[in-house]
Amino acid sequence: MSVIANIDDSTPTGRKIVRELEKHKRVIKLSYPDQEEIPEGCRTLEEGVKEIWNQLETKFGYDIRILKNEIR
């Protein structure tokens, strides 16, 4: 008999269940979803970097990237 279960590992209980299942390697085969997919609601790296630059510009009142280029 085989059982397929989806476990939400974003919760403490889900992570605990996965850790317990990982201990039984002879009996259980775990497969994880493709890690290249971006989870729903997450930002891409480019979006995150852009947001950080915008926050720094808001905090300091000018674009720090321009200052960085002037120092060189």
Protein backbone atom coordinates (compact mmCIF):
# COMPACT_ATOMS: atom_id res chain seq x y z
CA MET A 1 0.00 0.00 0.00
CA SER A 2 1.18 3.54 -0.81
CA VAL A 3 0.10 6.83 0.70
CA ILE A 4 0.65 10.25 -0.82
CA ALA A 5 0.39 13.20 1.56
CA ASN A 6 1.01 16.91 1.17
CA ILE A 7 2.56 18.40 4.29
CA ASP A 8 2.76 22.15 4.76
CA ASP A 9 6.30 22.64 6.09
CA SER A 10 5.77 26.34 6.71
CA THR A 11 4.28 25.50 10.11
CA PRO A 12 6.12 24.12 13.15
CA THR A 13 3.92 21.01 13.17
CA GLY A 14 4.54 20.39 9.47
CA ARG A 15 8.32 20.70 9.92
CA LYS A 16 8.18 18.31 12.89
CA ILE A 17 6.28 15.72 10.84
CA VAL A 18 8.76 16.00 7.95
CA ARG A 19 11.73 15.61 10.32
CA GLU A 20 10.15 12.50 11.78
CA LEU A 21 9.47 11.03 8.34
CA GLU A 22 13.07 11.72 7.26
CA LYS A 23 14.26 9.36 10.00
CA HIS A 24 12.64 6.37 8.25
CA LYS A 25 14.63 6.29 5.00
CA ARG A 26 14.17 2.57 4.33
CA VAL A 27 10.40 2.81 4.34
CA ILE A 28 9.66 6.37 3.20
CA LYS A 29 10.67 8.20 0.04
CA LEU A 30 10.21 11.94 0.33
CA SER A 31 10.01 14.14 -2.72
CA TYR A 32 10.16 17.90 -2.52
CA PRO A 33 8.63 20.30 -5.03
CA ASP A 34 10.86 22.00 -7.56
CA GLN A 35 12.97 24.54 -5.64
CA GLU A 36 13.22 26.85 -8.64
CA GLU A 37 9.57 27.79 -8.32
CA ILE A 38 8.90 30.99 -6.42
CA PRO A 39 6.33 30.42 -3.66
CA GLU A 40 3.14 32.42 -3.92
CA GLY A 41 3.48 35.89 -2.43
CA CYS A 42 7.29 35.96 -2.56
CA ARG A 43 9.32 38.58 -4.39
CA THR A 44 11.96 37.80 -6.96
CA LEU A 45 15.55 38.79 -6.17
CA GLU A 46 15.34 41.72 -8.58
CA GLU A 47 12.15 42.99 -6.93
CA GLY A 48 13.70 42.67 -3.48
CA VAL A 49 16.85 44.56 -4.44
CA LYS A 50 14.78 47.30 -6.10
CA GLU A 51 12.65 47.61 -2.96
CA ILE A 52 15.75 47.91 -0.74
CA TRP A 53 17.21 50.65 -2.95
CA ASN A 54 13.86 52.49 -2.84
CA GLN A 55 13.71 52.22 0.96
CA LEU A 56 17.28 53.56 1.27
CA GLU A 57 16.45 56.43 -1.07
CA THR A 58 13.38 57.26 1.01
CA LYS A 59 15.35 57.11 4.26
CA PHE A 60 18.36 59.19 3.13
CA GLY A 61 16.58 61.46 0.66
CA TYR A 62 18.75 60.64 -2.36
CA ASP A 63 19.75 57.68 -4.49
CA ILE A 64 22.75 56.08 -2.78
CA ARG A 65 23.71 54.32 -6.03
CA ILE A 66 24.64 57.71 -7.51
CA LEU A 67 26.87 58.43 -4.50
CA LYS A 68 28.49 55.00 -4.85
CA ASN A 69 29.31 55.73 -8.50
CA GLU A 70 30.74 59.20 -7.66
CA ILE A 71 33.15 57.69 -5.08
CA ARG A 72 34.76 55.44 -7.70
